[in-house]
Amino acid sequence: MALHPKRSSILSPATLRTSGALLSAQIALSRTITCDAVELTGQDPTIIDLLVRLDQAPDHRLRAVELSRQLLMSPSHISRMIDRAEASELVERCADPDDRRAAQVALTDRGRQVLSDFAPHLEGVIRRVITETLTPAESDKLVELLQKVERAALLTNP
C-alpha cells in the first residue's frame, strides 16, 4: 500500500472551529429539545415550531407567506405543513380580515393544548442547558450574538 504525503486540510482551523461549534451546539440542542419536549407531544418538530409562531402572532394567526418567512421554508413546504397541522386540527385556515382575497392560518384550541403540553418540557430543557450553564449576562450575550449571525446569514441567503 502506497503512503500519500501528508496534505494540509482544505478548511482552515478557524473555519472548522467556528462552524463546528455552531453546528455541534445546534444539533445537540435540537436533539435534546426533540427528545425531551417535542416527542412527548406526538408532533413533528416543524409542526411545533409552526404552532409556536402562531401563538406569538397577533390574534394567534398569520398568513402562510409570513410563516414561510419566519420558518425559513419555501411556500410549498409551508403549505404542506399547514395541511398536516390542519388535518390534525391544530390550525385552521380562515379569511384574512384585512384582505378578502387572502387567507390566514389560525391556532385552534387543540393547537394551544399541544403547546401547553410542550411548554413546561421546553422550559425544562432551556433551564438545564442554558440557565443552569450560563450566567444571565452570558445568556443575554449568546442571544445577541446568535441574532447577529442570523441577520448576517439572512442577508447572504434570504
C-alpha atoms as a PDB file:
ATOM      1  CA  MET A   1       0.000   0.000   0.000  1.00  0.00           C
ATOM      2  CA  ALA A   2       1.483   3.331  -1.057  1.00  0.00           C
ATOM      3  CA  LEU A   3       1.670   6.100   1.505  1.00  0.00           C
ATOM      4  CA  HIS A   4       0.481   9.502   0.427  1.00  0.00           C
ATOM      5  CA  PRO A   5       2.368  12.550   1.554  1.00  0.00           C
ATOM      6  CA  LYS A   6       0.642  14.467   4.335  1.00  0.00           C
ATOM      7  CA  ARG A   7      -1.664  17.064   2.852  1.00  0.00           C
ATOM      8  CA  SER A   8      -2.903  20.183   4.537  1.00  0.00           C
ATOM      9  CA  SER A   9      -6.568  20.395   5.441  1.00  0.00           C
ATOM     10  CA  ILE A  10      -8.887  22.021   2.952  1.00  0.00           C
ATOM     11  CA  LEU A  11     -10.755  24.050   5.580  1.00  0.00           C
ATOM     12  CA  SER A  12      -8.871  26.411   7.841  1.00  0.00           C
ATOM     13  CA  PRO A  13      -8.740  25.697  11.574  1.00  0.00           C
ATOM     14  CA  ALA A  14     -10.657  28.932  12.275  1.00  0.00           C
ATOM     15  CA  THR A  15     -13.469  27.923   9.903  1.00  0.00           C
ATOM     16  CA  LEU A  16     -13.629  24.434  11.375  1.00  0.00           C
ATOM     17  CA  ARG A  17     -13.632  25.772  14.936  1.00  0.00           C
ATOM     18  CA  THR A  18     -16.464  28.239  14.300  1.00  0.00           C
ATOM     19  CA  SER A  19     -18.636  26.086  12.055  1.00  0.00           C
ATOM     20  CA  GLY A  20     -18.016  23.008  14.171  1.00  0.00           C
ATOM     21  CA  ALA A  21     -19.002  24.761  17.397  1.00  0.00           C
ATOM     22  CA  LEU A  22     -22.156  26.279  15.886  1.00  0.00           C
ATOM     23  CA  LEU A  23     -23.292  23.089  14.172  1.00  0.00           C
ATOM     24  CA  SER A  24     -22.484  20.827  17.112  1.00  0.00           C
ATOM     25  CA  ALA A  25     -24.350  23.073  19.552  1.00  0.00           C
ATOM     26  CA  GLN A  26     -27.330  23.354  17.186  1.00  0.00           C
ATOM     27  CA  ILE A  27     -27.504  19.593  16.650  1.00  0.00           C
ATOM     28  CA  ALA A  28     -27.110  18.785  20.356  1.00  0.00           C
ATOM     29  CA  LEU A  29     -29.721  21.334  21.450  1.00  0.00           C
ATOM     30  CA  SER A  30     -32.120  20.317  18.689  1.00  0.00           C
ATOM     31  CA  ARG A  31     -31.762  16.659  19.654  1.00  0.00           C
ATOM     32  CA  THR A  32     -32.352  17.464  23.337  1.00  0.00           C
ATOM     33  CA  ILE A  33     -35.424  19.600  22.601  1.00  0.00           C
ATOM     34  CA  THR A  34     -36.799  16.919  20.292  1.00  0.00           C
ATOM     35  CA  CYS A  35     -36.247  14.045  22.737  1.00  0.00           C
ATOM     36  CA  ASP A  36     -37.182  15.836  25.954  1.00  0.00           C
ATOM     37  CA  ALA A  37     -40.004  18.079  24.756  1.00  0.00           C
ATOM     38  CA  VAL A  38     -41.268  17.628  21.189  1.00  0.00           C
ATOM     39  CA  GLU A  39     -41.620  13.831  21.140  1.00  0.00           C
ATOM     40  CA  LEU A  40     -43.830  13.995  24.227  1.00  0.00           C
ATOM     41  CA  THR A  41     -46.431  15.890  22.150  1.00  0.00           C
ATOM     42  CA  GLY A  42     -46.549  13.257  19.417  1.00  0.00           C
ATOM     43  CA  GLN A  43     -45.942  16.011  16.857  1.00  0.00           C
ATOM     44  CA  ASP A  44     -43.206  16.716  14.354  1.00  0.00           C
ATOM     45  CA  PRO A  45     -40.680  19.408  15.430  1.00  0.00           C
ATOM     46  CA  THR A  46     -41.605  21.587  12.449  1.00  0.00           C
ATOM     47  CA  ILE A  47     -45.285  21.470  13.446  1.00  0.00           C
ATOM     48  CA  ILE A  48     -44.365  22.565  16.978  1.00  0.00           C
ATOM     49  CA  ASP A  49     -42.360  25.459  15.520  1.00  0.00           C
ATOM     50  CA  LEU A  50     -45.374  26.428  13.408  1.00  0.00           C
ATOM     51  CA  LEU A  51     -47.628  26.394  16.482  1.00  0.00           C
ATOM     52  CA  VAL A  52     -45.137  28.498  18.466  1.00  0.00           C
ATOM     53  CA  ARG A  53     -45.052  31.120  15.677  1.00  0.00           C
ATOM     54  CA  LEU A  54     -48.842  31.277  15.590  1.00  0.00           C
ATOM     55  CA  ASP A  55     -49.048  31.512  19.371  1.00  0.00           C
ATOM     56  CA  GLN A  56     -46.712  34.524  19.304  1.00  0.00           C
ATOM     57  CA  ALA A  57     -48.581  36.294  16.480  1.00  0.00           C
ATOM     58  CA  PRO A  58     -51.269  38.928  16.960  1.00  0.00           C
ATOM     59  CA  ASP A  59     -54.624  37.169  17.371  1.00  0.00           C
ATOM     60  CA  HIS A  60     -52.689  33.855  17.031  1.00  0.00           C
ATOM     61  CA  ARG A  61     -52.897  33.958  13.243  1.00  0.00           C
ATOM     62  CA  LEU A  62     -50.587  34.661  10.305  1.00  0.00           C
ATOM     63  CA  ARG A  63     -50.610  34.445   6.537  1.00  0.00           C
ATOM     64  CA  ALA A  64     -48.773  31.480   5.066  1.00  0.00           C
ATOM     65  CA  VAL A  65     -46.264  33.814   3.390  1.00  0.00           C
ATOM     66  CA  GLU A  66     -45.315  35.236   6.800  1.00  0.00           C
ATOM     67  CA  LEU A  67     -44.951  31.728   8.234  1.00  0.00           C
ATOM     68  CA  SER A  68     -42.719  30.869   5.292  1.00  0.00           C
ATOM     69  CA  ARG A  69     -40.535  33.899   6.057  1.00  0.00           C
ATOM     70  CA  GLN A  70     -40.350  33.206   9.793  1.00  0.00           C
ATOM     71  CA  LEU A  71     -39.686  29.480   9.474  1.00  0.00           C
ATOM     72  CA  LEU A  72     -37.227  29.938   6.578  1.00  0.00           C
ATOM     73  CA  MET A  73     -39.110  27.428   4.413  1.00  0.00           C
ATOM     74  CA  SER A  74     -40.450  27.549   0.895  1.00  0.00           C
ATOM     75  CA  PRO A  75     -44.123  28.439   0.396  1.00  0.00           C
ATOM     76  CA  SER A  76     -44.843  24.933  -0.935  1.00  0.00           C
ATOM     77  CA  HIS A  77     -43.237  23.339   2.135  1.00  0.00           C
ATOM     78  CA  ILE A  78     -45.262  25.632   4.424  1.00  0.00           C
ATOM     79  CA  SER A  79     -48.448  24.773   2.544  1.00  0.00           C
ATOM     80  CA  ARG A  80     -47.884  21.040   3.078  1.00  0.00           C
ATOM     81  CA  MET A  81     -47.048  21.645   6.743  1.00  0.00           C
ATOM     82  CA  ILE A  82     -50.252  23.660   7.205  1.00  0.00           C
ATOM     83  CA  ASP A  83     -52.200  20.847   5.515  1.00  0.00           C
ATOM     84  CA  ARG A  84     -50.780  18.334   8.028  1.00  0.00           C
ATOM     85  CA  ALA A  85     -51.441  20.609  11.008  1.00  0.00           C
ATOM     86  CA  GLU A  86     -54.955  21.313   9.750  1.00  0.00           C
ATOM     87  CA  ALA A  87     -55.662  17.585   9.322  1.00  0.00           C
ATOM     88  CA  SER A  88     -54.652  17.153  12.979  1.00  0.00           C
ATOM     89  CA  GLU A  89     -56.958  20.050  13.932  1.00  0.00           C
ATOM     90  CA  LEU A  90     -54.034  22.080  15.294  1.00  0.00           C
ATOM     91  CA  VAL A  91     -54.635  25.020  12.952  1.00  0.00           C
ATOM     92  CA  GLU A  92     -57.372  26.235  10.664  1.00  0.00           C
ATOM     93  CA  ARG A  93     -57.388  28.368   7.579  1.00  0.00           C
ATOM     94  CA  CYS A  94     -59.609  31.425   7.828  1.00  0.00           C
ATOM     95  CA  ALA A  95     -60.320  34.606   5.897  1.00  0.00           C
ATOM     96  CA  ASP A  96     -57.902  37.496   6.333  1.00  0.00           C
ATOM     97  CA  PRO A  97     -59.956  40.381   7.748  1.00  0.00           C
ATOM     98  CA  ASP A  98     -57.657  42.890   6.005  1.00  0.00           C
ATOM     99  CA  ASP A  99     -57.715  41.244   2.568  1.00  0.00           C
ATOM    100  CA  ARG A 100     -60.682  39.145   1.417  1.00  0.00           C
ATOM    101  CA  ARG A 101     -58.536  37.527  -1.289  1.00  0.00           C
ATOM    102  CA  ALA A 102     -56.074  36.137   1.248  1.00  0.00           C
ATOM    103  CA  ALA A 103     -56.285  33.539   3.972  1.00  0.00           C
ATOM    104  CA  GLN A 104     -54.649  33.294   7.343  1.00  0.00           C
ATOM    105  CA  VAL A 105     -53.656  30.306   9.436  1.00  0.00           C
ATOM    106  CA  ALA A 106     -55.026  30.379  12.970  1.00  0.00           C
ATOM    107  CA  LEU A 107     -54.133  28.361  16.043  1.00  0.00           C
ATOM    108  CA  THR A 108     -57.012  26.164  17.251  1.00  0.00           C
ATOM    109  CA  ASP A 109     -57.842  25.204  20.829  1.00  0.00           C
ATOM    110  CA  ARG A 110     -56.279  21.805  20.172  1.00  0.00           C
ATOM    111  CA  GLY A 111     -53.126  23.507  18.884  1.00  0.00           C
ATOM    112  CA  ARG A 112     -52.994  25.639  22.040  1.00  0.00           C
ATOM    113  CA  GLN A 113     -53.348  22.481  24.148  1.00  0.00           C
ATOM    114  CA  VAL A 114     -50.430  20.825  22.352  1.00  0.00           C
ATOM    115  CA  LEU A 115     -48.340  23.938  23.046  1.00  0.00           C
ATOM    116  CA  SER A 116     -49.459  23.958  26.681  1.00  0.00           C
ATOM    117  CA  ASP A 117     -48.262  20.358  26.989  1.00  0.00           C
ATOM    118  CA  PHE A 118     -44.976  21.199  25.234  1.00  0.00           C
ATOM    119  CA  ALA A 119     -44.126  24.418  27.119  1.00  0.00           C
ATOM    120  CA  PRO A 120     -43.024  23.033  30.517  1.00  0.00           C
ATOM    121  CA  HIS A 121     -40.797  20.455  28.834  1.00  0.00           C
ATOM    122  CA  LEU A 122     -39.120  23.089  26.642  1.00  0.00           C
ATOM    123  CA  GLU A 123     -38.696  25.336  29.671  1.00  0.00           C
ATOM    124  CA  GLY A 124     -37.017  22.424  31.463  1.00  0.00           C
ATOM    125  CA  VAL A 125     -34.580  21.903  28.597  1.00  0.00           C
ATOM    126  CA  ILE A 126     -33.732  25.611  28.461  1.00  0.00           C
ATOM    127  CA  ARG A 127     -33.274  25.703  32.221  1.00  0.00           C
ATOM    128  CA  ARG A 128     -30.905  22.685  32.199  1.00  0.00           C
ATOM    129  CA  VAL A 129     -28.946  23.622  29.094  1.00  0.00           C
ATOM    130  CA  ILE A 130     -28.865  27.415  29.242  1.00  0.00           C
ATOM    131  CA  THR A 131     -29.978  28.875  32.576  1.00  0.00           C
ATOM    132  CA  GLU A 132     -28.037  26.436  34.750  1.00  0.00           C
ATOM    133  CA  THR A 133     -24.980  26.575  32.470  1.00  0.00           C
ATOM    134  CA  LEU A 134     -24.616  30.273  31.633  1.00  0.00           C
ATOM    135  CA  THR A 135     -24.825  33.386  33.744  1.00  0.00           C
ATOM    136  CA  PRO A 136     -27.663  35.790  32.862  1.00  0.00           C
ATOM    137  CA  ALA A 137     -25.112  38.075  31.172  1.00  0.00           C
ATOM    138  CA  GLU A 138     -23.693  35.162  29.144  1.00  0.00           C
ATOM    139  CA  SER A 139     -27.199  34.089  28.156  1.00  0.00           C
ATOM    140  CA  ASP A 140     -28.048  37.625  27.006  1.00  0.00           C
ATOM    141  CA  LYS A 141     -24.775  37.838  25.064  1.00  0.00           C
ATOM    142  CA  LEU A 142     -25.407  34.439  23.465  1.00  0.00           C
ATOM    143  CA  VAL A 143     -28.829  35.567  22.236  1.00  0.00           C
ATOM    144  CA  GLU A 144     -27.381  38.844  20.956  1.00  0.00           C
ATOM    145  CA  LEU A 145     -24.588  37.065  19.054  1.00  0.00           C
ATOM    146  CA  LEU A 146     -26.880  34.396  17.593  1.00  0.00           C
ATOM    147  CA  GLN A 147     -29.289  37.077  16.357  1.00  0.00           C
ATOM    148  CA  LYS A 148     -26.374  38.929  14.776  1.00  0.00           C
ATOM    149  CA  VAL A 149     -25.219  35.756  12.992  1.00  0.00           C
ATOM    150  CA  GLU A 150     -28.792  35.036  11.845  1.00  0.00           C
ATOM    151  CA  ARG A 151     -29.172  38.554  10.384  1.00  0.00           C
ATOM    152  CA  ALA A 152     -25.865  38.233   8.520  1.00  0.00           C
ATOM    153  CA  ALA A 153     -26.811  34.792   7.170  1.00  0.00           C
ATOM    154  CA  LEU A 154     -30.213  36.056   6.009  1.00  0.00           C
ATOM    155  CA  LEU A 155     -28.573  38.965   4.184  1.00  0.00           C
ATOM    156  CA  THR A 156     -26.367  36.466   2.352  1.00  0.00           C
ATOM    157  CA  ASN A 157     -29.136  33.977   1.607  1.00  0.00           C
ATOM    158  CA  PRO A 158     -32.634  35.418   2.146  1.00  0.00           C
END
